[in-house]
N, C-alpha and C. Protein backbone atom coordinates (compact mmCIF):
# COMPACT_ATOMS: atom_id res chain seq x y z
N UNK A 1 -10.87 60.98 -94.42
CA UNK A 1 -11.64 60.88 -93.22
C UNK A 1 -11.48 62.19 -92.46
N UNK A 2 -12.54 62.57 -91.74
CA UNK A 2 -12.53 63.83 -90.99
C UNK A 2 -12.70 63.55 -89.51
N UNK A 3 -11.87 64.20 -88.69
CA UNK A 3 -11.97 64.09 -87.23
C UNK A 3 -12.04 65.49 -86.66
N UNK A 4 -12.80 65.61 -85.57
CA UNK A 4 -12.96 66.91 -84.91
C UNK A 4 -12.57 66.79 -83.44
N UNK A 5 -11.93 67.84 -82.94
CA UNK A 5 -11.47 67.86 -81.56
C UNK A 5 -11.79 69.21 -80.94
N UNK A 6 -12.17 69.18 -79.68
CA UNK A 6 -12.34 70.41 -78.90
C UNK A 6 -10.99 70.71 -78.27
N UNK A 7 -10.44 71.88 -78.57
CA UNK A 7 -9.12 72.27 -78.07
C UNK A 7 -9.30 73.33 -77.00
N UNK A 8 -8.71 73.09 -75.84
CA UNK A 8 -8.78 74.03 -74.72
C UNK A 8 -7.44 74.72 -74.53
N UNK A 9 -7.50 75.98 -74.13
CA UNK A 9 -6.29 76.72 -73.79
C UNK A 9 -5.83 77.71 -74.84
N UNK A 10 -6.50 77.76 -75.99
CA UNK A 10 -6.11 78.73 -77.03
C UNK A 10 -6.74 80.08 -76.70
N UNK A 11 -5.93 81.15 -76.83
CA UNK A 11 -6.43 82.48 -76.50
C UNK A 11 -6.22 83.51 -77.61
N UNK A 12 -5.41 83.18 -78.61
CA UNK A 12 -5.08 84.18 -79.63
C UNK A 12 -4.75 83.50 -80.95
N UNK A 13 -4.51 84.31 -81.97
CA UNK A 13 -4.18 83.80 -83.29
C UNK A 13 -2.87 83.01 -83.28
N UNK A 14 -1.94 83.38 -82.42
CA UNK A 14 -0.68 82.63 -82.32
C UNK A 14 -0.95 81.20 -81.84
N UNK A 15 -1.82 81.06 -80.84
CA UNK A 15 -2.20 79.73 -80.34
C UNK A 15 -2.86 78.92 -81.46
N UNK A 16 -3.77 79.57 -82.14
CA UNK A 16 -4.50 78.94 -83.25
C UNK A 16 -3.53 78.43 -84.31
N UNK A 17 -2.58 79.26 -84.70
CA UNK A 17 -1.61 78.89 -85.72
C UNK A 17 -0.69 77.78 -85.24
N UNK A 18 -0.31 77.80 -83.97
CA UNK A 18 0.56 76.77 -83.42
C UNK A 18 -0.11 75.39 -83.51
N UNK A 19 -1.39 75.33 -83.15
CA UNK A 19 -2.12 74.06 -83.21
C UNK A 19 -2.25 73.60 -84.66
N UNK A 20 -2.66 74.49 -85.54
CA UNK A 20 -2.83 74.14 -86.96
C UNK A 20 -1.52 73.62 -87.56
N UNK A 21 -0.44 74.35 -87.36
CA UNK A 21 0.85 73.99 -87.92
C UNK A 21 1.36 72.67 -87.33
N UNK A 22 1.21 72.51 -86.03
CA UNK A 22 1.66 71.28 -85.37
C UNK A 22 0.93 70.05 -85.87
N UNK A 23 -0.40 70.14 -85.97
CA UNK A 23 -1.20 69.00 -86.41
C UNK A 23 -0.94 68.69 -87.89
N UNK A 24 -0.74 69.71 -88.70
CA UNK A 24 -0.47 69.49 -90.13
C UNK A 24 0.83 68.73 -90.36
N UNK A 25 1.73 68.72 -89.39
CA UNK A 25 2.98 67.99 -89.52
C UNK A 25 2.84 66.50 -89.24
N UNK A 26 1.69 66.09 -88.67
CA UNK A 26 1.49 64.68 -88.36
C UNK A 26 1.35 63.86 -89.64
N UNK A 27 1.87 62.66 -89.61
CA UNK A 27 1.80 61.76 -90.75
C UNK A 27 0.34 61.46 -91.10
N UNK A 28 0.02 61.53 -92.37
CA UNK A 28 -1.32 61.20 -92.84
C UNK A 28 -2.30 62.35 -92.86
N UNK A 29 -1.91 63.51 -92.34
CA UNK A 29 -2.80 64.67 -92.31
C UNK A 29 -2.81 65.35 -93.67
N UNK A 30 -4.01 65.55 -94.20
CA UNK A 30 -4.18 66.25 -95.47
C UNK A 30 -4.36 67.74 -95.23
N UNK A 31 -5.15 68.09 -94.21
CA UNK A 31 -5.35 69.50 -93.86
C UNK A 31 -5.87 69.60 -92.44
N UNK A 32 -5.67 70.77 -91.85
CA UNK A 32 -6.18 71.04 -90.51
C UNK A 32 -6.73 72.46 -90.48
N UNK A 33 -7.84 72.64 -89.78
CA UNK A 33 -8.44 73.95 -89.64
C UNK A 33 -8.77 74.16 -88.17
N UNK A 34 -8.46 75.33 -87.64
CA UNK A 34 -8.71 75.63 -86.24
C UNK A 34 -9.62 76.85 -86.15
N UNK A 35 -10.77 76.68 -85.50
CA UNK A 35 -11.68 77.78 -85.24
C UNK A 35 -11.41 78.25 -83.81
N UNK A 36 -10.77 79.40 -83.68
CA UNK A 36 -10.36 79.92 -82.38
C UNK A 36 -11.56 80.20 -81.48
N UNK A 37 -12.59 80.83 -82.03
CA UNK A 37 -13.76 81.19 -81.22
C UNK A 37 -14.48 79.97 -80.67
N UNK A 38 -14.59 78.93 -81.48
CA UNK A 38 -15.29 77.71 -81.05
C UNK A 38 -14.36 76.72 -80.35
N UNK A 39 -13.04 76.95 -80.50
CA UNK A 39 -12.07 76.01 -79.94
C UNK A 39 -12.15 74.67 -80.63
N UNK A 40 -12.39 74.69 -81.93
CA UNK A 40 -12.61 73.46 -82.69
C UNK A 40 -11.50 73.22 -83.71
N UNK A 41 -10.94 72.03 -83.66
CA UNK A 41 -9.92 71.59 -84.61
C UNK A 41 -10.56 70.55 -85.52
N UNK A 42 -10.54 70.79 -86.82
CA UNK A 42 -11.07 69.85 -87.81
C UNK A 42 -9.92 69.38 -88.67
N UNK A 43 -9.75 68.06 -88.76
CA UNK A 43 -8.60 67.49 -89.48
C UNK A 43 -9.07 66.50 -90.53
N UNK A 44 -8.60 66.70 -91.75
CA UNK A 44 -8.79 65.73 -92.84
C UNK A 44 -7.54 64.87 -92.86
N UNK A 45 -7.72 63.54 -92.80
CA UNK A 45 -6.55 62.68 -92.69
C UNK A 45 -6.83 61.29 -93.25
N UNK A 46 -5.76 60.55 -93.44
CA UNK A 46 -5.85 59.15 -93.85
C UNK A 46 -6.33 58.32 -92.66
N UNK A 47 -7.03 57.22 -92.88
CA UNK A 47 -7.46 56.36 -91.77
C UNK A 47 -6.26 55.88 -90.95
N UNK A 48 -6.40 55.94 -89.62
CA UNK A 48 -5.33 55.54 -88.71
C UNK A 48 -5.99 55.23 -87.36
N UNK A 49 -5.85 54.00 -86.90
CA UNK A 49 -6.50 53.58 -85.66
C UNK A 49 -6.04 54.39 -84.45
N UNK A 50 -4.83 54.94 -84.48
CA UNK A 50 -4.29 55.69 -83.35
C UNK A 50 -4.26 57.19 -83.61
N UNK A 51 -5.02 57.66 -84.60
CA UNK A 51 -4.95 59.08 -84.96
C UNK A 51 -5.35 59.98 -83.79
N UNK A 52 -6.39 59.61 -83.08
CA UNK A 52 -6.85 60.41 -81.94
C UNK A 52 -5.71 60.60 -80.93
N UNK A 53 -5.01 59.54 -80.62
CA UNK A 53 -3.91 59.62 -79.67
C UNK A 53 -2.78 60.50 -80.17
N UNK A 54 -2.49 60.42 -81.46
CA UNK A 54 -1.43 61.24 -82.04
C UNK A 54 -1.78 62.73 -81.95
N UNK A 55 -3.04 63.06 -82.24
CA UNK A 55 -3.46 64.46 -82.18
C UNK A 55 -3.42 64.96 -80.73
N UNK A 56 -3.93 64.16 -79.82
CA UNK A 56 -3.94 64.56 -78.41
C UNK A 56 -2.52 64.79 -77.90
N UNK A 57 -1.59 63.92 -78.26
CA UNK A 57 -0.20 64.08 -77.85
C UNK A 57 0.41 65.33 -78.45
N UNK A 58 0.20 65.53 -79.74
CA UNK A 58 0.74 66.69 -80.44
C UNK A 58 0.25 67.99 -79.80
N UNK A 59 -1.06 68.09 -79.61
CA UNK A 59 -1.65 69.30 -79.05
C UNK A 59 -1.18 69.51 -77.61
N UNK A 60 -1.05 68.44 -76.85
CA UNK A 60 -0.56 68.52 -75.47
C UNK A 60 0.87 69.05 -75.43
N UNK A 61 1.70 68.58 -76.34
CA UNK A 61 3.10 69.04 -76.40
C UNK A 61 3.19 70.52 -76.76
N UNK A 62 2.14 71.05 -77.37
CA UNK A 62 2.10 72.48 -77.71
C UNK A 62 1.56 73.32 -76.55
N UNK A 63 1.11 72.66 -75.49
CA UNK A 63 0.63 73.38 -74.31
C UNK A 63 -0.88 73.52 -74.21
N UNK A 64 -1.62 72.75 -75.01
CA UNK A 64 -3.07 72.81 -75.01
C UNK A 64 -3.61 71.40 -74.76
N UNK A 65 -4.92 71.28 -74.71
CA UNK A 65 -5.51 69.94 -74.60
C UNK A 65 -6.54 69.76 -75.70
N UNK A 66 -6.69 68.52 -76.16
CA UNK A 66 -7.64 68.21 -77.23
C UNK A 66 -8.43 66.97 -76.86
N UNK A 67 -9.73 67.06 -77.04
CA UNK A 67 -10.63 65.93 -76.80
C UNK A 67 -11.48 65.74 -78.04
N UNK A 68 -11.66 64.50 -78.47
CA UNK A 68 -12.52 64.28 -79.64
C UNK A 68 -13.94 64.77 -79.36
N UNK A 69 -14.59 65.26 -80.38
CA UNK A 69 -15.98 65.69 -80.22
C UNK A 69 -16.79 65.15 -81.41
N UNK A 70 -18.07 65.16 -81.27
CA UNK A 70 -18.93 64.66 -82.32
C UNK A 70 -18.86 63.15 -82.42
N UNK A 71 -18.91 62.65 -83.62
CA UNK A 71 -18.92 61.21 -83.88
C UNK A 71 -17.71 60.50 -83.30
N UNK A 72 -16.54 61.14 -83.34
CA UNK A 72 -15.33 60.52 -82.84
C UNK A 72 -15.44 60.19 -81.35
N UNK A 73 -16.08 61.07 -80.59
CA UNK A 73 -16.20 60.87 -79.15
C UNK A 73 -17.12 59.71 -78.82
N UNK A 74 -18.13 59.48 -79.64
CA UNK A 74 -19.11 58.45 -79.32
C UNK A 74 -18.73 57.06 -79.84
N UNK A 75 -17.89 56.99 -80.83
CA UNK A 75 -17.61 55.67 -81.39
C UNK A 75 -16.51 54.92 -80.68
N UNK A 76 -15.61 55.61 -79.99
CA UNK A 76 -14.58 54.96 -79.21
C UNK A 76 -13.59 54.17 -80.06
N UNK A 77 -12.75 53.42 -79.38
CA UNK A 77 -11.68 52.67 -80.04
C UNK A 77 -12.23 51.62 -81.01
N UNK A 78 -13.18 50.81 -80.56
CA UNK A 78 -13.67 49.73 -81.41
C UNK A 78 -14.48 50.28 -82.59
N UNK A 79 -15.15 51.40 -82.39
CA UNK A 79 -15.84 52.03 -83.50
C UNK A 79 -14.86 52.52 -84.55
N UNK A 80 -13.73 53.03 -84.10
CA UNK A 80 -12.69 53.48 -85.03
C UNK A 80 -12.14 52.30 -85.83
N UNK A 81 -11.95 51.17 -85.17
CA UNK A 81 -11.46 49.98 -85.86
C UNK A 81 -12.48 49.51 -86.89
N UNK A 82 -13.76 49.48 -86.51
CA UNK A 82 -14.81 49.08 -87.46
C UNK A 82 -14.83 50.01 -88.65
N UNK A 83 -14.66 51.31 -88.41
CA UNK A 83 -14.65 52.29 -89.49
C UNK A 83 -13.47 52.03 -90.44
N UNK A 84 -12.31 51.73 -89.87
CA UNK A 84 -11.13 51.45 -90.69
C UNK A 84 -11.32 50.20 -91.54
N UNK A 85 -12.07 49.26 -91.00
CA UNK A 85 -12.32 48.01 -91.71
C UNK A 85 -13.50 48.12 -92.67
N UNK A 86 -14.14 49.30 -92.69
CA UNK A 86 -15.26 49.51 -93.59
C UNK A 86 -16.56 48.95 -93.07
N UNK A 87 -16.63 48.70 -91.76
CA UNK A 87 -17.85 48.18 -91.16
C UNK A 87 -18.41 49.23 -90.22
N UNK A 88 -19.48 49.87 -90.62
CA UNK A 88 -20.08 50.90 -89.78
C UNK A 88 -20.91 50.23 -88.76
């Protein structure tokens, strides 16, 4: 599953690497990519109903903020549950 987040507060390659490395340490994460210019974090991960919260906490602890964008932002909590259950 793929999730995307808008990350605020990154200004350099060090910031970019800190977010990427931090998120990659989360349980269930297969890969993470951070586009510094767009402020976009893209994460490939195992299904997890609380994944959004885990990413937001992780990124916050690194000194930045992350908000879901795209499909993740519009589907909300119950949409995430339906997705996990295989019901779109």
